[in-house]
PDB file of N, CA and C in Angstrom:
ATOM      1  N   MET A   1    -144.111 -65.301  75.742  1.00  0.00           N
ATOM      2  CA  MET A   1    -143.563 -66.872  76.219  1.00  0.00           C
ATOM      3  C   MET A   1    -143.818 -67.621  75.176  1.00  0.00           C
ATOM      4  N   PHE A   2    -143.076 -68.767  75.161  1.00  0.00           N
ATOM      5  CA  PHE A   2    -142.917 -69.826  74.148  1.00  0.00           C
ATOM      6  C   PHE A   2    -143.133 -70.956  75.071  1.00  0.00           C
ATOM      7  N   THR A   3    -143.865 -72.040  74.487  1.00  0.00           N
ATOM      8  CA  THR A   3    -144.356 -73.015  75.217  1.00  0.00           C
ATOM      9  C   THR A   3    -144.174 -74.075  73.909  1.00  0.00           C
ATOM     10  N   VAL A   4    -143.880 -75.473  74.164  1.00  0.00           N
ATOM     11  CA  VAL A   4    -143.815 -76.379  73.428  1.00  0.00           C
ATOM     12  C   VAL A   4    -144.674 -77.861  74.226  1.00  0.00           C
ATOM     13  N   ALA A   5    -146.083 -78.176  73.740  1.00  0.00           N
ATOM     14  CA  ALA A   5    -146.602 -79.262  74.739  1.00  0.00           C
ATOM     15  C   ALA A   5    -147.219 -79.200  76.421  1.00  0.00           C
ATOM     16  N   GLY A   6    -147.341 -77.438  76.268  1.00  0.00           N
ATOM     17  CA  GLY A   6    -147.826 -76.711  77.661  1.00  0.00           C
ATOM     18  C   GLY A   6    -146.028 -76.875  78.618  1.00  0.00           C
ATOM     19  N   GLN A   7    -145.019 -76.789  78.105  1.00  0.00           N
ATOM     20  CA  GLN A   7    -143.767 -76.724  78.914  1.00  0.00           C
ATOM     21  C   GLN A   7    -143.279 -75.284  78.303  1.00  0.00           C
ATOM     22  N   LYS A   8    -143.048 -74.633  79.324  1.00  0.00           N
ATOM     23  CA  LYS A   8    -142.533 -73.222  78.866  1.00  0.00           C
ATOM     24  C   LYS A   8    -140.890 -73.306  78.573  1.00  0.00           C
ATOM     25  N   VAL A   9    -140.711 -73.065  77.485  1.00  0.00           N
ATOM     26  CA  VAL A   9    -139.128 -73.195  76.728  1.00  0.00           C
ATOM     27  C   VAL A   9    -138.183 -72.099  76.379  1.00  0.00           C
ATOM     28  N   GLY A  10    -139.006 -70.615  76.818  1.00  0.00           N
ATOM     29  CA  GLY A  10    -138.481 -69.452  76.534  1.00  0.00           C
ATOM     30  C   GLY A  10    -139.482 -68.272  76.575  1.00  0.00           C
ATOM     31  N   GLN A  11    -138.975 -67.076  76.727  1.00  0.00           N
ATOM     32  CA  GLN A  11    -139.644 -65.818  76.613  1.00  0.00           C
ATOM     33  C   GLN A  11    -139.144 -64.734  75.780  1.00  0.00           C
ATOM     34  N   SER A  12    -139.568 -64.164  75.312  1.00  0.00           N
ATOM     35  CA  SER A  12    -138.930 -62.520  74.598  1.00  0.00           C
ATOM     36  C   SER A  12    -139.667 -61.660  74.827  1.00  0.00           C
ATOM     37  N   THR A  13    -139.022 -60.517  74.529  1.00  0.00           N
ATOM     38  CA  THR A  13    -140.150 -59.241  74.423  1.00  0.00           C
ATOM     39  C   THR A  13    -140.139 -58.791  72.831  1.00  0.00           C
ATOM     40  N   ALA A  14    -141.233 -58.084  72.543  1.00  0.00           N
ATOM     41  CA  ALA A  14    -141.450 -57.792  71.418  1.00  0.00           C
ATOM     42  C   ALA A  14    -141.023 -56.255  70.983  1.00  0.00           C
ATOM     43  N   ALA A  15    -140.087 -56.079  70.192  1.00  0.00           N
ATOM     44  CA  ALA A  15    -140.009 -54.718  69.554  1.00  0.00           C
ATOM     45  C   ALA A  15    -141.040 -53.748  69.386  1.00  0.00           C
ATOM     46  N   THR A  16    -140.791 -52.496  69.380  1.00  0.00           N
ATOM     47  CA  THR A  16    -142.078 -51.736  68.986  1.00  0.00           C
ATOM     48  C   THR A  16    -142.742 -52.121  67.481  1.00  0.00           C
ATOM     49  N   SER A  17    -142.261 -52.474  66.576  1.00  0.00           N
ATOM     50  CA  SER A  17    -142.408 -52.687  65.189  1.00  0.00           C
ATOM     51  C   SER A  17    -143.336 -54.025  65.815  1.00  0.00           C
ATOM     52  N   GLY A  18    -143.238 -54.871  66.738  1.00  0.00           N
ATOM     53  CA  GLY A  18    -143.907 -56.051  66.822  1.00  0.00           C
ATOM     54  C   GLY A  18    -143.309 -57.328  66.386  1.00  0.00           C
ATOM     55  N   ALA A  19    -142.067 -57.228  65.851  1.00  0.00           N
ATOM     56  CA  ALA A  19    -141.092 -58.149  65.779  1.00  0.00           C
ATOM     57  C   ALA A  19    -140.513 -58.599  66.728  1.00  0.00           C
ATOM     58  N   PHE A  20    -140.420 -59.969  67.365  1.00  0.00           N
ATOM     59  CA  PHE A  20    -139.783 -60.781  68.244  1.00  0.00           C
ATOM     60  C   PHE A  20    -138.918 -61.873  67.588  1.00  0.00           C
ATOM     61  N   ASN A  21    -138.014 -62.238  68.763  1.00  0.00           N
ATOM     62  CA  ASN A  21    -136.972 -63.468  68.784  1.00  0.00           C
ATOM     63  C   ASN A  21    -136.883 -63.871  70.146  1.00  0.00           C
ATOM     64  N   GLY A  22    -136.296 -64.958  70.084  1.00  0.00           N
ATOM     65  CA  GLY A  22    -135.829 -65.596  71.437  1.00  0.00           C
ATOM     66  C   GLY A  22    -135.233 -67.010  71.157  1.00  0.00           C
ATOM     67  N   PRO A  23    -134.521 -67.173  72.196  1.00  0.00           N
ATOM     68  CA  PRO A  23    -133.741 -68.680  72.119  1.00  0.00           C
ATOM     69  C   PRO A  23    -135.016 -69.395  72.818  1.00  0.00           C
ATOM     70  N   LEU A  24    -134.740 -70.840  72.579  1.00  0.00           N
ATOM     71  CA  LEU A  24    -135.872 -71.799  73.131  1.00  0.00           C
ATOM     72  C   LEU A  24    -134.742 -73.022  73.989  1.00  0.00           C
ATOM     73  N   ASP A  25    -135.186 -73.246  74.956  1.00  0.00           N
ATOM     74  CA  ASP A  25    -134.168 -74.321  75.526  1.00  0.00           C
ATOM     75  C   ASP A  25    -135.115 -75.641  75.659  1.00  0.00           C
ATOM     76  N   VAL A  26    -134.943 -76.389  74.405  1.00  0.00           N
ATOM     77  CA  VAL A  26    -135.661 -77.739  74.324  1.00  0.00           C
ATOM     78  C   VAL A  26    -134.762 -79.090  74.813  1.00  0.00           C
ATOM     79  N   SER A  27    -133.761 -78.357  75.444  1.00  0.00           N
ATOM     80  CA  SER A  27    -133.230 -79.907  75.921  1.00  0.00           C
ATOM     81  C   SER A  27    -133.616 -80.971  76.848  1.00  0.00           C
ATOM     82  N   GLY A  28    -135.034 -80.855  77.340  1.00  0.00           N
ATOM     83  CA  GLY A  28    -135.245 -81.538  78.015  1.00  0.00           C
ATOM     84  C   GLY A  28    -136.378 -82.479  77.207  1.00  0.00           C
ATOM     85  N   LEU A  29    -136.476 -82.165  75.914  1.00  0.00           N
ATOM     86  CA  LEU A  29    -137.780 -82.677  75.166  1.00  0.00           C
ATOM     87  C   LEU A  29    -137.267 -83.864  74.318  1.00  0.00           C
ATOM     88  N   PRO A  30    -137.627 -84.827  74.085  1.00  0.00           N
ATOM     89  CA  PRO A  30    -137.242 -85.878  73.194  1.00  0.00           C
ATOM     90  C   PRO A  30    -137.170 -85.652  71.671  1.00  0.00           C
ATOM     91  N   VAL A  31    -136.354 -86.458  71.262  1.00  0.00           N
ATOM     92  CA  VAL A  31    -136.374 -85.915  69.657  1.00  0.00           C
ATOM     93  C   VAL A  31    -137.681 -86.239  68.905  1.00  0.00           C
ATOM     94  N   GLY A  32    -138.039 -85.393  67.824  1.00  0.00           N
ATOM     95  CA  GLY A  32    -139.392 -85.505  67.457  1.00  0.00           C
ATOM     96  C   GLY A  32    -139.859 -84.475  66.733  1.00  0.00           C
ATOM     97  N   SER A  33    -141.072 -84.095  66.579  1.00  0.00           N
ATOM     98  CA  SER A  33    -141.445 -82.895  65.945  1.00  0.00           C
ATOM     99  C   SER A  33    -142.720 -81.991  66.922  1.00  0.00           C
ATOM    100  N   TYR A  34    -142.528 -80.955  66.983  1.00  0.00           N
ATOM    101  CA  TYR A  34    -143.233 -79.976  68.074  1.00  0.00           C
ATOM    102  C   TYR A  34    -143.784 -79.025  67.294  1.00  0.00           C
ATOM    103  N   GLN A  35    -144.804 -78.325  68.270  1.00  0.00           N
ATOM    104  CA  GLN A  35    -145.556 -76.857  67.773  1.00  0.00           C
ATOM    105  C   GLN A  35    -144.975 -76.234  68.765  1.00  0.00           C
ATOM    106  N   VAL A  36    -144.447 -75.076  68.285  1.00  0.00           N
ATOM    107  CA  VAL A  36    -144.102 -74.149  69.270  1.00  0.00           C
ATOM    108  C   VAL A  36    -145.371 -73.035  69.415  1.00  0.00           C
ATOM    109  N   GLU A  37    -145.528 -72.814  70.677  1.00  0.00           N
ATOM    110  CA  GLU A  37    -146.728 -71.694  70.981  1.00  0.00           C
ATOM    111  C   GLU A  37    -145.968 -70.630  71.321  1.00  0.00           C
ATOM    112  N   ALA A  38    -146.740 -69.148  70.593  1.00  0.00           N
ATOM    113  CA  ALA A  38    -145.692 -67.697  71.039  1.00  0.00           C
ATOM    114  C   ALA A  38    -147.084 -67.393  71.404  1.00  0.00           C
ATOM    115  N   ARG A  39    -147.010 -66.588  72.788  1.00  0.00           N
ATOM    116  CA  ARG A  39    -148.144 -65.685  73.230  1.00  0.00           C
ATOM    117  C   ARG A  39    -148.054 -64.614  73.615  1.00  0.00           C
ATOM    118  N   CYS A  40    -148.445 -63.648  72.930  1.00  0.00           N
ATOM    119  CA  CYS A  40    -148.038 -62.193  72.853  1.00  0.00           C
ATOM    120  C   CYS A  40    -149.012 -61.282  72.584  1.00  0.00           C
ATOM    121  N   GLY A  41    -150.403 -61.539  73.514  1.00  0.00           N
ATOM    122  CA  GLY A  41    -151.685 -61.018  72.885  1.00  0.00           C
ATOM    123  C   GLY A  41    -152.329 -62.011  71.952  1.00  0.00           C
ATOM    124  N   VAL A  42    -151.486 -62.122  70.956  1.00  0.00           N
ATOM    125  CA  VAL A  42    -152.557 -63.032  69.624  1.00  0.00           C
ATOM    126  C   VAL A  42    -151.694 -64.504  70.056  1.00  0.00           C
ATOM    127  N   VAL A  43    -152.227 -65.287  69.538  1.00  0.00           N
ATOM    128  CA  VAL A  43    -151.192 -66.879  69.784  1.00  0.00           C
ATOM    129  C   VAL A  43    -150.969 -67.388  68.226  1.00  0.00           C
ATOM    130  N   LEU A  44    -149.348 -67.216  68.152  1.00  0.00           N
ATOM    131  CA  LEU A  44    -148.842 -67.793  66.803  1.00  0.00           C
ATOM    132  C   LEU A  44    -148.200 -69.278  66.948  1.00  0.00           C
ATOM    133  N   TYR A  45    -148.112 -69.945  65.984  1.00  0.00           N
ATOM    134  CA  TYR A  45    -147.565 -70.953  65.942  1.00  0.00           C
ATOM    135  C   TYR A  45    -146.552 -71.759  65.131  1.00  0.00           C
ATOM    136  N   ALA A  46    -145.599 -72.092  65.421  1.00  0.00           N
ATOM    137  CA  ALA A  46    -144.394 -72.778  64.457  1.00  0.00           C
ATOM    138  C   ALA A  46    -143.863 -73.870  64.818  1.00  0.00           C
ATOM    139  N   ASP A  47    -143.891 -74.808  63.446  1.00  0.00           N
ATOM    140  CA  ASP A  47    -143.491 -75.919  63.661  1.00  0.00           C
ATOM    141  C   ASP A  47    -141.784 -76.309  64.200  1.00  0.00           C
ATOM    142  N   LEU A  48    -141.390 -77.340  64.898  1.00  0.00           N
ATOM    143  CA  LEU A  48    -140.236 -77.662  65.387  1.00  0.00           C
ATOM    144  C   LEU A  48    -139.803 -78.984  65.282  1.00  0.00           C
ATOM    145  N   ASP A  49    -138.753 -79.277  64.780  1.00  0.00           N
ATOM    146  CA  ASP A  49    -138.335 -80.478  65.059  1.00  0.00           C
ATOM    147  C   ASP A  49    -136.888 -80.751  65.623  1.00  0.00           C
ATOM    148  N   VAL A  50    -137.083 -81.594  66.678  1.00  0.00           N
ATOM    149  CA  VAL A  50    -135.759 -81.604  67.347  1.00  0.00           C
ATOM    150  C   VAL A  50    -135.356 -82.798  67.021  1.00  0.00           C
ATOM    151  N   VAL A  51    -133.572 -82.487  66.618  1.00  0.00           N
ATOM    152  CA  VAL A  51    -133.063 -83.846  66.504  1.00  0.00           C
ATOM    153  C   VAL A  51    -132.006 -84.259  67.167  1.00  0.00           C
ATOM    154  N   LEU A  52    -131.237 -85.571  67.039  1.00  0.00           N
ATOM    155  CA  LEU A  52    -130.023 -85.529  67.845  1.00  0.00           C
ATOM    156  C   LEU A  52    -128.761 -85.869  66.585  1.00  0.00           C
ATOM    157  N   ALA A  53    -127.568 -85.013  66.752  1.00  0.00           N
ATOM    158  CA  ALA A  53    -126.861 -85.030  66.092  1.00  0.00           C
ATOM    159  C   ALA A  53    -125.440 -85.786  66.547  1.00  0.00           C
ATOM    160  N   ASN A  54    -125.149 -86.530  65.866  1.00  0.00           N
ATOM    161  CA  ASN A  54    -123.970 -87.332  65.824  1.00  0.00           C
ATOM    162  C   ASN A  54    -122.615 -87.047  65.160  1.00  0.00           C
ATOM    163  N   GLU A  55    -121.321 -87.126  65.447  1.00  0.00           N
ATOM    164  CA  GLU A  55    -120.414 -86.955  64.739  1.00  0.00           C
ATOM    165  C   GLU A  55    -120.199 -88.716  64.365  1.00  0.00           C
ATOM    166  N   VAL A  56    -120.015 -88.689  62.892  1.00  0.00           N
ATOM    167  CA  VAL A  56    -119.924 -90.088  62.514  1.00  0.00           C
ATOM    168  C   VAL A  56    -118.756 -90.687  62.897  1.00  0.00           C
ATOM    169  N   TYR A  57    -117.451 -90.022  62.317  1.00  0.00           N
ATOM    170  CA  TYR A  57    -116.052 -90.373  63.014  1.00  0.00           C
ATOM    171  C   TYR A  57    -115.231 -89.272  63.545  1.00  0.00           C
ATOM    172  N   ASN A  58    -114.373 -89.802  64.370  1.00  0.00           N
ATOM    173  CA  ASN A  58    -113.587 -88.545  65.115  1.00  0.00           C
ATOM    174  C   ASN A  58    -112.140 -88.937  64.293  1.00  0.00           C
ATOM    175  N   ASP A  59    -111.311 -87.655  64.306  1.00  0.00           N
ATOM    176  CA  ASP A  59    -109.799 -87.490  63.772  1.00  0.00           C
ATOM    177  C   ASP A  59    -108.841 -88.737  64.040  1.00  0.00           C
ATOM    178  N   ALA A  60    -109.226 -89.193  65.373  1.00  0.00           N
ATOM    179  CA  ALA A  60    -108.403 -90.524  65.723  1.00  0.00           C
ATOM    180  C   ALA A  60    -108.432 -91.413  64.715  1.00  0.00           C
ATOM    181  N   SER A  61    -109.761 -91.948  64.432  1.00  0.00           N
ATOM    182  CA  SER A  61    -109.604 -93.223  63.157  1.00  0.00           C
ATOM    183  C   SER A  61    -109.516 -92.765  62.008  1.00  0.00           C
ATOM    184  N   THR A  62    -109.202 -91.472  61.524  1.00  0.00           N
ATOM    185  CA  THR A  62    -109.011 -91.231  60.232  1.00  0.00           C
ATOM    186  C   THR A  62    -107.684 -91.040  60.203  1.00  0.00           C
ATOM    187  N   VAL A  63    -106.640 -90.491  61.435  1.00  0.00           N
ATOM    188  CA  VAL A  63    -105.094 -90.727  61.691  1.00  0.00           C
ATOM    189  C   VAL A  63    -104.852 -92.561  61.462  1.00  0.00           C
ATOM    190  N   LEU A  64    -105.674 -93.441  62.011  1.00  0.00           N
ATOM    191  CA  LEU A  64    -104.995 -94.644  62.229  1.00  0.00           C
ATOM    192  C   LEU A  64    -105.292 -95.246  60.675  1.00  0.00           C
ATOM    193  N   ILE A  65    -106.310 -94.877  60.048  1.00  0.00           N
ATOM    194  CA  ILE A  65    -106.409 -95.593  58.642  1.00  0.00           C
ATOM    195  C   ILE A  65    -105.067 -94.958  57.831  1.00  0.00           C
ATOM    196  N   ILE A  66    -104.982 -93.766  58.058  1.00  0.00           N
ATOM    197  CA  ILE A  66    -103.612 -93.414  57.373  1.00  0.00           C
ATOM    198  C   ILE A  66    -102.329 -93.615  57.530  1.00  0.00           C
ATOM    199  N   VAL A  67    -102.103 -94.033  58.469  1.00  0.00           N
ATOM    200  CA  VAL A  67    -101.246 -94.809  59.091  1.00  0.00           C
ATOM    201  C   VAL A  67    -101.283 -96.311  58.595  1.00  0.00           C
ATOM    202  N   PHE A  68    -102.015 -96.713  58.722  1.00  0.00           N
ATOM    203  CA  PHE A  68    -102.347 -98.188  58.205  1.00  0.00           C
ATOM    204  C   PHE A  68    -101.892 -98.496  56.814  1.00  0.00           C
ATOM    205  N   PHE A  69    -102.334 -97.686  55.943  1.00  0.00           N
ATOM    206  CA  PHE A  69    -102.218 -97.689  54.479  1.00  0.00           C
ATOM    207  C   PHE A  69    -100.785 -96.939  54.107  1.00  0.00           C
ATOM    208  N   VAL A  70    -100.072 -95.979  55.203  1.00  0.00           N
ATOM    209  CA  VAL A  70     -98.653 -95.745  54.649  1.00  0.00           C
ATOM    210  C   VAL A  70     -97.916 -97.103  55.077  1.00  0.00           C
ATOM    211  N   LEU A  71     -98.206 -97.416  56.182  1.00  0.00           N
ATOM    212  CA  LEU A  71     -97.322 -99.081  56.342  1.00  0.00           C
ATOM    213  C   LEU A  71     -97.312-100.164  55.455  1.00  0.00           C
ATOM    214  N   ILE A  72     -98.380-100.451  54.879  1.00  0.00           N
ATOM    215  CA  ILE A  72     -98.947-101.349  53.506  1.00  0.00           C
ATOM    216  C   ILE A  72     -98.028-100.878  52.684  1.00  0.00           C
ATOM    217  N   GLY A  73     -98.212 -99.661  52.143  1.00  0.00           N
ATOM    218  CA  GLY A  73     -97.625 -98.971  51.362  1.00  0.00           C
ATOM    219  C   GLY A  73     -95.774 -99.281  51.193  1.00  0.00           C
ATOM    220  N   SER A  74     -95.349 -98.907  52.493  1.00  0.00           N
ATOM    221  CA  SER A  74     -93.732 -98.942  52.439  1.00  0.00           C
ATOM    222  C   SER A  74     -93.681-100.130  52.857  1.00  0.00           C
ATOM    223  N   GLY A  75     -94.074-101.085  53.276  1.00  0.00           N
ATOM    224  CA  GLY A  75     -94.023-102.844  53.184  1.00  0.00           C
ATOM    225  C   GLY A  75     -94.095-103.114  51.885  1.00  0.00           C
ATOM    226  N   LEU A  76     -94.956-103.041  51.193  1.00  0.00           N
ATOM    227  CA  LEU A  76     -94.580-103.269  49.585  1.00  0.00           C
ATOM    228  C   LEU A  76     -93.659-102.847  49.003  1.00  0.00           C
ATOM    229  N   PHE A  77     -93.406-101.488  49.072  1.00  0.00           N
ATOM    230  CA  PHE A  77     -92.121-100.862  48.801  1.00  0.00           C
ATOM    231  C   PHE A  77     -90.862-101.707  49.057  1.00  0.00           C
ATOM    232  N   TRP A  78     -90.675-101.832  50.146  1.00  0.00           N
ATOM    233  CA  TRP A  78     -89.785-102.561  50.927  1.00  0.00           C
ATOM    234  C   TRP A  78     -89.563-104.004  50.344  1.00  0.00           C
ATOM    235  N   ARG A  79     -90.411-104.578  49.991  1.00  0.00           N
ATOM    236  CA  ARG A  79     -90.701-106.043  49.283  1.00  0.00           C
ATOM    237  C   ARG A  79     -89.943-106.014  47.975  1.00  0.00           C
ATOM    238  N   ARG A  80     -90.064-104.915  47.190  1.00  0.00           N
ATOM    239  CA  ARG A  80     -89.716-104.907  45.633  1.00  0.00           C
ATOM    240  C   ARG A  80     -88.269-104.324  45.929  1.00  0.00           C
ATOM    241  N   LEU A  81     -87.935-103.703  46.570  1.00  0.00           N
ATOM    242  CA  LEU A  81     -86.477-103.105  46.929  1.00  0.00           C
ATOM    243  C   LEU A  81     -85.503-104.514  47.197  1.00  0.00           C
ATOM    244  N   GLN A  82     -86.020-105.383  47.972  1.00  0.00           N
ATOM    245  CA  GLN A  82     -85.646-106.807  48.030  1.00  0.00           C
ATOM    246  C   GLN A  82     -85.295-107.542  47.325  1.00  0.00           C
ATOM    247  N   ARG A  83     -86.596-107.586  46.427  1.00  0.00           N
ATOM    248  CA  ARG A  83     -86.348-108.494  45.035  1.00  0.00           C
ATOM    249  C   ARG A  83     -85.205-108.201  44.280  1.00  0.00           C
ATOM    250  N   ARG A  84     -85.351-106.932  43.990  1.00  0.00           N
ATOM    251  CA  ARG A  84     -84.070-106.301  43.257  1.00  0.00           C
ATOM    252  C   ARG A  84     -82.911-106.575  43.418  1.00  0.00           C
ATOM    253  N   ASN A  85     -82.499-106.994  44.611  1.00  0.00           N
ATOM    254  CA  ASN A  85     -80.938-107.379  45.364  1.00  0.00           C
ATOM    255  C   ASN A  85     -80.837-108.707  45.262  1.00  0.00           C
TER     256      ASN A  85
END
């Protein structure tokens, strides 16, 4: 059984070699540093950092920026053509 701050966050069964792994459900934990406790006869500890990942910008804003510069560039090109005539 895996616990964080006394709250059960997962469980696993050890292999015959004694190795184990398992998923942790930390969706209810706020951002911060924690210590995971694994109890399987002996008590083992591991550090865990819960972080919040955000997308910096999406595809729509990138397309908008590209369209803006294409329009500016074509406008400047059109003005040069008009000056020559």
